[in-house]
Amino acid sequence: MEHRWGQRVLLDVPVRLLAEPRTPAVGRMVNASISGAFVRTADRLPLWVKIQVEMVLPRMPGHKGECVSALVTRRVRDGVGIEWCDLAPVPMRELLATAHTSAAMSDTGGLESTHSAEADMMALTAPRLVSHCTPMNP
């Protein structure tokens, strides 16, 4: 049974999943809606843990990662289902709007994205001195 609010949009966005005190997990957000997302990851995050989802928004070169608070609500072999702590957080509305615009451009013969998945993953896995996400309380 579907419990999602809003339409699910197919994506391919690199993310880091931050759940203190764990080491950040990397993955790819493959679909999302205003209420949550599915992230493909090899990491086995526990159910009901609060996480910060740090993402690099496509088509925004040099843009620092955006963070959204979420709960892990489902675990499957290849990833996790998450629900945003706040319905329709601003970074997700922006990402979903960008995805809709990109899909419309592709459908009408517009320019294809020059976004490099490999470059995004390297940026996410490179060591950082400071995360762009706000620390969570345990």
N, C-alpha and C. Protein backbone atom coordinates (compact mmCIF):
# COMPACT_ATOMS: atom_id res chain seq x y z
N MET A 1 0.84 -1.17 0.00
CA MET A 1 0.00 0.00 0.00
C MET A 1 0.89 1.24 0.00
N GLU A 2 0.60 2.18 -0.88
CA GLU A 2 1.37 3.41 -0.99
C GLU A 2 0.92 4.41 0.08
N HIS A 3 1.89 5.03 0.75
CA HIS A 3 1.61 6.04 1.77
C HIS A 3 2.24 7.37 1.41
N ARG A 4 2.72 7.47 0.18
CA ARG A 4 3.48 8.64 -0.23
C ARG A 4 2.55 9.78 -0.60
N TRP A 5 3.00 11.01 -0.29
CA TRP A 5 2.32 12.22 -0.71
C TRP A 5 3.04 12.71 -1.95
N GLY A 6 2.32 13.08 -2.96
CA GLY A 6 2.95 13.61 -4.17
C GLY A 6 3.37 12.51 -5.11
N GLN A 7 3.76 12.92 -6.30
CA GLN A 7 4.16 12.01 -7.36
C GLN A 7 5.61 11.60 -7.21
N ARG A 8 5.90 10.32 -7.42
CA ARG A 8 7.28 9.84 -7.37
C ARG A 8 7.97 10.23 -8.67
N VAL A 9 9.19 10.78 -8.54
CA VAL A 9 9.97 11.23 -9.69
C VAL A 9 11.25 10.42 -9.74
N LEU A 10 11.60 9.89 -10.92
CA LEU A 10 12.85 9.16 -11.08
C LEU A 10 14.01 10.13 -11.08
N LEU A 11 15.06 9.78 -10.34
CA LEU A 11 16.24 10.63 -10.19
C LEU A 11 17.50 9.79 -10.29
N ASP A 12 18.64 10.44 -10.28
CA ASP A 12 19.93 9.78 -10.14
C ASP A 12 20.86 10.80 -9.49
N VAL A 13 20.71 10.97 -8.17
CA VAL A 13 21.42 12.01 -7.44
C VAL A 13 22.32 11.38 -6.39
N PRO A 14 23.62 11.69 -6.41
CA PRO A 14 24.51 11.15 -5.39
C PRO A 14 24.20 11.78 -4.03
N VAL A 15 24.23 10.94 -2.99
CA VAL A 15 23.94 11.42 -1.64
C VAL A 15 24.91 10.80 -0.64
N ARG A 16 25.04 11.48 0.50
CA ARG A 16 25.69 10.91 1.68
C ARG A 16 24.63 10.84 2.74
N LEU A 17 24.56 9.73 3.46
CA LEU A 17 23.59 9.54 4.53
C LEU A 17 24.35 9.62 5.85
N LEU A 18 24.02 10.63 6.64
CA LEU A 18 24.75 10.89 7.88
C LEU A 18 23.88 10.50 9.06
N ALA A 19 24.33 9.50 9.81
CA ALA A 19 23.62 9.04 11.00
C ALA A 19 24.65 8.88 12.10
N GLU A 20 24.72 9.85 12.99
CA GLU A 20 25.72 9.80 14.05
C GLU A 20 25.45 8.61 14.96
N PRO A 21 26.42 7.93 15.47
CA PRO A 21 27.86 8.15 15.33
C PRO A 21 28.46 7.34 14.19
N ARG A 22 27.66 6.84 13.29
CA ARG A 22 28.13 5.99 12.18
C ARG A 22 28.95 6.78 11.17
N THR A 23 29.79 6.06 10.42
CA THR A 23 30.50 6.64 9.29
C THR A 23 29.47 6.95 8.21
N PRO A 24 29.58 8.10 7.54
CA PRO A 24 28.60 8.41 6.49
C PRO A 24 28.55 7.33 5.42
N ALA A 25 27.35 7.02 4.98
CA ALA A 25 27.14 6.07 3.89
C ALA A 25 26.97 6.86 2.61
N VAL A 26 27.39 6.28 1.50
CA VAL A 26 27.16 6.91 0.20
C VAL A 26 26.12 6.10 -0.56
N GLY A 27 25.40 6.78 -1.42
CA GLY A 27 24.39 6.10 -2.22
C GLY A 27 23.90 7.01 -3.33
N ARG A 28 22.83 6.57 -3.98
CA ARG A 28 22.21 7.35 -5.05
C ARG A 28 20.71 7.38 -4.80
N MET A 29 20.15 8.60 -4.76
CA MET A 29 18.71 8.76 -4.64
C MET A 29 18.14 8.47 -6.03
N VAL A 30 17.38 7.37 -6.14
CA VAL A 30 16.89 6.95 -7.47
C VAL A 30 15.45 7.38 -7.73
N ASN A 31 14.71 7.71 -6.68
CA ASN A 31 13.39 8.30 -6.87
C ASN A 31 13.02 9.05 -5.61
N ALA A 32 12.11 10.02 -5.76
CA ALA A 32 11.71 10.83 -4.61
C ALA A 32 10.35 11.44 -4.86
N SER A 33 9.74 11.87 -3.76
CA SER A 33 8.50 12.64 -3.80
C SER A 33 8.62 13.70 -2.71
N ILE A 34 7.58 14.48 -2.52
CA ILE A 34 7.64 15.52 -1.48
C ILE A 34 7.64 14.93 -0.08
N SER A 35 7.34 13.62 0.05
CA SER A 35 7.30 13.01 1.38
C SER A 35 8.45 12.07 1.69
N GLY A 36 9.24 11.68 0.68
CA GLY A 36 10.34 10.76 0.95
C GLY A 36 11.06 10.34 -0.31
N ALA A 37 11.92 9.32 -0.18
CA ALA A 37 12.74 8.88 -1.32
C ALA A 37 13.20 7.45 -1.12
N PHE A 38 13.76 6.88 -2.19
CA PHE A 38 14.45 5.60 -2.10
C PHE A 38 15.90 5.87 -2.47
N VAL A 39 16.82 5.39 -1.61
CA VAL A 39 18.25 5.57 -1.84
C VAL A 39 18.89 4.20 -2.00
N ARG A 40 19.55 4.01 -3.14
CA ARG A 40 20.29 2.78 -3.39
C ARG A 40 21.63 2.90 -2.66
N THR A 41 21.89 1.99 -1.73
CA THR A 41 23.13 2.01 -0.95
C THR A 41 23.43 0.60 -0.45
N ALA A 42 24.71 0.32 -0.27
CA ALA A 42 25.12 -0.97 0.28
C ALA A 42 25.11 -0.95 1.81
N ASP A 43 25.03 0.23 2.40
CA ASP A 43 25.06 0.36 3.86
C ASP A 43 23.74 -0.13 4.46
N ARG A 44 23.81 -0.79 5.58
CA ARG A 44 22.63 -1.34 6.26
C ARG A 44 22.24 -0.42 7.42
N LEU A 45 21.59 0.68 7.12
CA LEU A 45 21.15 1.60 8.17
C LEU A 45 19.99 0.96 8.95
N PRO A 46 19.95 1.16 10.26
CA PRO A 46 18.86 0.59 11.06
C PRO A 46 17.54 1.31 10.78
N LEU A 47 16.44 0.58 10.92
CA LEU A 47 15.12 1.19 10.78
C LEU A 47 14.89 2.24 11.85
N TRP A 48 14.16 3.27 11.49
CA TRP A 48 13.70 4.34 12.37
C TRP A 48 14.83 5.24 12.89
N VAL A 49 16.03 5.13 12.30
CA VAL A 49 17.11 6.03 12.69
C VAL A 49 16.92 7.35 11.95
N LYS A 50 17.20 8.46 12.66
CA LYS A 50 17.13 9.78 12.02
C LYS A 50 18.45 10.02 11.32
N ILE A 51 18.36 10.48 10.07
CA ILE A 51 19.56 10.74 9.28
C ILE A 51 19.48 12.14 8.65
N GLN A 52 20.63 12.60 8.19
CA GLN A 52 20.70 13.78 7.34
C GLN A 52 21.08 13.27 5.96
N VAL A 53 20.34 13.69 4.96
CA VAL A 53 20.62 13.31 3.58
C VAL A 53 21.30 14.51 2.92
N GLU A 54 22.58 14.35 2.60
CA GLU A 54 23.33 15.42 1.95
C GLU A 54 23.40 15.09 0.46
N MET A 55 22.96 16.05 -0.37
CA MET A 55 22.93 15.79 -1.81
C MET A 55 23.57 16.93 -2.59
N VAL A 56 24.09 16.57 -3.76
CA VAL A 56 24.60 17.57 -4.69
C VAL A 56 23.51 17.72 -5.74
N LEU A 57 22.93 18.91 -5.81
CA LEU A 57 21.84 19.13 -6.76
C LEU A 57 22.39 19.20 -8.17
N PRO A 58 21.77 18.47 -9.12
CA PRO A 58 22.25 18.48 -10.50
C PRO A 58 22.08 19.84 -11.15
N ARG A 59 22.91 20.08 -12.17
CA ARG A 59 22.85 21.30 -12.97
C ARG A 59 23.15 22.56 -12.17
N MET A 60 23.86 22.41 -11.05
CA MET A 60 24.23 23.57 -10.25
C MET A 60 25.71 23.47 -9.93
N PRO A 61 26.60 23.67 -10.93
CA PRO A 61 28.03 23.53 -10.70
C PRO A 61 28.51 24.42 -9.56
N GLY A 62 29.36 23.85 -8.73
CA GLY A 62 29.93 24.60 -7.62
C GLY A 62 28.98 24.80 -6.45
N HIS A 63 27.78 24.29 -6.56
CA HIS A 63 26.79 24.45 -5.49
C HIS A 63 27.12 23.50 -4.35
N LYS A 64 27.11 23.99 -3.13
CA LYS A 64 27.39 23.13 -1.99
C LYS A 64 26.21 22.21 -1.76
N GLY A 65 26.45 21.08 -1.12
CA GLY A 65 25.41 20.09 -0.86
C GLY A 65 24.28 20.64 -0.01
N GLU A 66 23.09 20.19 -0.31
CA GLU A 66 21.90 20.52 0.48
C GLU A 66 21.64 19.36 1.42
N CYS A 67 21.08 19.65 2.60
CA CYS A 67 20.78 18.61 3.57
C CYS A 67 19.31 18.61 3.92
N VAL A 68 18.77 17.40 4.09
CA VAL A 68 17.38 17.23 4.48
C VAL A 68 17.35 16.16 5.57
N SER A 69 16.61 16.43 6.65
CA SER A 69 16.44 15.44 7.72
C SER A 69 15.41 14.41 7.30
N ALA A 70 15.67 13.15 7.65
CA ALA A 70 14.77 12.07 7.27
C ALA A 70 14.84 10.93 8.28
N LEU A 71 13.88 10.01 8.19
CA LEU A 71 13.87 8.77 8.96
C LEU A 71 13.95 7.60 8.00
N VAL A 72 14.71 6.58 8.37
CA VAL A 72 14.75 5.35 7.58
C VAL A 72 13.50 4.56 7.93
N THR A 73 12.63 4.35 6.95
CA THR A 73 11.36 3.67 7.20
C THR A 73 11.27 2.29 6.57
N ARG A 74 12.22 1.97 5.67
CA ARG A 74 12.18 0.66 5.00
C ARG A 74 13.58 0.28 4.59
N ARG A 75 13.91 -0.99 4.74
CA ARG A 75 15.20 -1.52 4.29
C ARG A 75 14.95 -2.66 3.34
N VAL A 76 15.64 -2.65 2.23
CA VAL A 76 15.61 -3.77 1.30
C VAL A 76 17.05 -4.08 0.91
N ARG A 77 17.24 -5.15 0.17
CA ARG A 77 18.59 -5.62 -0.17
C ARG A 77 19.47 -4.53 -0.78
N ASP A 78 18.90 -3.70 -1.67
CA ASP A 78 19.74 -2.75 -2.39
C ASP A 78 19.60 -1.29 -1.93
N GLY A 79 18.94 -1.06 -0.79
CA GLY A 79 18.85 0.32 -0.33
C GLY A 79 17.87 0.53 0.80
N VAL A 80 17.50 1.82 0.98
CA VAL A 80 16.60 2.20 2.07
C VAL A 80 15.53 3.16 1.56
N GLY A 81 14.34 3.01 2.13
CA GLY A 81 13.28 3.97 1.92
C GLY A 81 13.33 4.96 3.07
N ILE A 82 13.23 6.24 2.74
CA ILE A 82 13.29 7.27 3.78
C ILE A 82 12.08 8.19 3.67
N GLU A 83 11.71 8.76 4.80
CA GLU A 83 10.62 9.73 4.86
C GLU A 83 11.19 11.02 5.41
N TRP A 84 10.91 12.14 4.70
CA TRP A 84 11.41 13.43 5.16
C TRP A 84 10.78 13.77 6.50
N CYS A 85 11.54 14.36 7.40
CA CYS A 85 11.00 14.77 8.70
C CYS A 85 9.97 15.89 8.53
N ASP A 86 10.16 16.73 7.52
CA ASP A 86 9.20 17.80 7.20
C ASP A 86 8.67 17.53 5.81
N LEU A 87 7.37 17.64 5.63
CA LEU A 87 6.76 17.44 4.32
C LEU A 87 7.23 18.52 3.36
N ALA A 88 7.65 18.11 2.19
CA ALA A 88 8.07 19.00 1.10
C ALA A 88 9.16 20.00 1.51
N PRO A 89 10.31 19.51 2.02
CA PRO A 89 11.38 20.43 2.37
C PRO A 89 11.87 21.18 1.13
N VAL A 90 12.31 22.41 1.31
CA VAL A 90 12.69 23.29 0.20
C VAL A 90 13.71 22.63 -0.75
N PRO A 91 14.81 22.03 -0.25
CA PRO A 91 15.76 21.43 -1.20
C PRO A 91 15.12 20.35 -2.07
N MET A 92 14.16 19.61 -1.52
CA MET A 92 13.51 18.57 -2.32
C MET A 92 12.55 19.18 -3.34
N ARG A 93 11.85 20.23 -2.96
CA ARG A 93 10.97 20.90 -3.94
C ARG A 93 11.81 21.41 -5.11
N GLU A 94 12.98 21.99 -4.81
CA GLU A 94 13.86 22.49 -5.87
C GLU A 94 14.37 21.35 -6.74
N LEU A 95 14.80 20.26 -6.10
CA LEU A 95 15.30 19.11 -6.85
C LEU A 95 14.21 18.52 -7.73
N LEU A 96 13.01 18.34 -7.20
CA LEU A 96 11.91 17.77 -7.98
C LEU A 96 11.52 18.69 -9.13
N ALA A 97 11.53 19.99 -8.90
CA ALA A 97 11.23 20.94 -9.98
C ALA A 97 12.28 20.84 -11.08
N THR A 98 13.57 20.72 -10.68
CA THR A 98 14.66 20.58 -11.65
C THR A 98 14.48 19.29 -12.45
N ALA A 99 14.11 18.20 -11.76
CA ALA A 99 13.91 16.91 -12.43
C ALA A 99 12.78 17.00 -13.44
N HIS A 100 11.68 17.67 -13.08
CA HIS A 100 10.56 17.83 -14.01
C HIS A 100 10.98 18.63 -15.23
N THR A 101 11.76 19.70 -15.03
CA THR A 101 12.24 20.53 -16.13
C THR A 101 13.17 19.73 -17.03
N SER A 102 14.08 18.95 -16.43
CA SER A 102 15.02 18.14 -17.20
C SER A 102 14.28 17.11 -18.03
N ALA A 103 13.27 16.46 -17.43
CA ALA A 103 12.51 15.45 -18.16
C ALA A 103 11.77 16.10 -19.32
N ALA A 104 11.22 17.28 -19.12
CA ALA A 104 10.50 17.97 -20.18
C ALA A 104 11.46 18.33 -21.32
N MET A 105 12.69 18.77 -20.98
CA MET A 105 13.68 19.10 -22.02
C MET A 105 14.06 17.86 -22.81
N SER A 106 14.26 16.73 -22.12
CA SER A 106 14.63 15.50 -22.82
C SER A 106 13.51 15.03 -23.73
N ASP A 107 12.26 15.14 -23.26
CA ASP A 107 11.11 14.71 -24.03
C ASP A 107 10.91 15.57 -25.28
N THR A 108 11.35 16.84 -25.22
CA THR A 108 11.13 17.74 -26.35
C THR A 108 12.39 17.94 -27.17
N GLY A 109 13.40 17.11 -26.94
CA GLY A 109 14.63 17.21 -27.73
C GLY A 109 15.60 18.25 -27.22
N GLY A 110 15.46 18.67 -25.96
CA GLY A 110 16.37 19.66 -25.38
C GLY A 110 17.74 19.07 -25.14
N LEU A 111 18.63 19.88 -24.63
CA LEU A 111 19.99 19.43 -24.37
C LEU A 111 20.02 18.41 -23.26
N GLU A 112 20.83 17.41 -23.42
CA GLU A 112 21.01 16.39 -22.38
C GLU A 112 21.95 16.92 -21.31
N SER A 113 21.85 16.38 -20.13
CA SER A 113 22.69 16.80 -19.01
C SER A 113 24.14 16.44 -19.26
N THR A 114 25.05 17.31 -18.86
CA THR A 114 26.48 17.01 -18.92
C THR A 114 26.99 16.62 -17.54
N HIS A 115 26.07 16.39 -16.64
CA HIS A 115 26.35 16.04 -15.25
C HIS A 115 27.05 14.67 -15.20
N SER A 116 28.16 14.59 -14.49
CA SER A 116 28.95 13.38 -14.39
C SER A 116 28.71 12.68 -13.06
N ALA A 117 28.16 11.48 -13.12
CA ALA A 117 27.89 10.72 -11.91
C ALA A 117 29.19 10.40 -11.17
N GLU A 118 30.24 10.09 -11.93
CA GLU A 118 31.52 9.77 -11.30
C GLU A 118 32.09 10.97 -10.55
N ALA A 119 32.01 12.16 -11.14
CA ALA A 119 32.51 13.36 -10.48
C ALA A 119 31.71 13.65 -9.21
N ASP A 120 30.40 13.44 -9.26
CA ASP A 120 29.57 13.66 -8.08
C ASP A 120 29.95 12.71 -6.96
N MET A 121 30.18 11.43 -7.28
CA MET A 121 30.54 10.46 -6.23
C MET A 121 31.91 10.80 -5.65
N MET A 122 32.84 11.25 -6.50
CA MET A 122 34.16 11.62 -5.98
C MET A 122 34.03 12.80 -5.03
N ALA A 123 33.18 13.76 -5.37
CA ALA A 123 32.99 14.92 -4.50
C ALA A 123 32.38 14.51 -3.16
N LEU A 124 31.49 13.53 -3.19
CA LEU A 124 30.83 13.11 -1.95
C LEU A 124 31.73 12.26 -1.07
N THR A 125 32.63 11.49 -1.68
CA THR A 125 33.46 10.58 -0.89
C THR A 125 34.80 11.20 -0.51
N ALA A 126 35.15 12.34 -1.10
CA ALA A 126 36.41 13.00 -0.75
C ALA A 126 36.37 13.45 0.71
N PRO A 127 37.49 13.40 1.42
CA PRO A 127 37.50 13.85 2.80
C PRO A 127 37.12 15.33 2.88
N ARG A 128 36.39 15.69 3.91
CA ARG A 128 35.99 17.08 4.12
C ARG A 128 36.36 17.50 5.53
N LEU A 129 36.64 18.78 5.67
CA LEU A 129 36.88 19.30 7.00
C LEU A 129 35.56 19.60 7.70
N VAL A 130 34.56 20.03 6.94
CA VAL A 130 33.28 20.40 7.53
C VAL A 130 32.17 19.86 6.65
N SER A 131 31.16 19.28 7.27
CA SER A 131 29.97 18.85 6.53
C SER A 131 29.04 20.04 6.42
N HIS A 132 28.23 20.08 5.37
CA HIS A 132 27.26 21.15 5.18
C HIS A 132 25.99 20.86 5.98
N CYS A 133 25.87 19.69 6.55
CA CYS A 133 24.68 19.34 7.33
C CYS A 133 24.83 19.77 8.77
N THR A 134 23.73 20.14 9.37
CA THR A 134 23.70 20.50 10.78
C THR A 134 23.82 19.24 11.61
N PRO A 135 24.68 19.22 12.63
CA PRO A 135 24.80 18.04 13.48
C PRO A 135 23.46 17.69 14.13
N MET A 136 23.24 16.40 14.30
CA MET A 136 22.00 15.92 14.92
C MET A 136 22.21 15.67 16.39
N ASN A 137 21.15 15.78 17.15
CA ASN A 137 21.20 15.37 18.55
C ASN A 137 20.97 13.88 18.63
N PRO A 138 21.71 13.17 19.50
CA PRO A 138 21.54 11.70 19.58
C PRO A 138 20.17 11.32 20.08
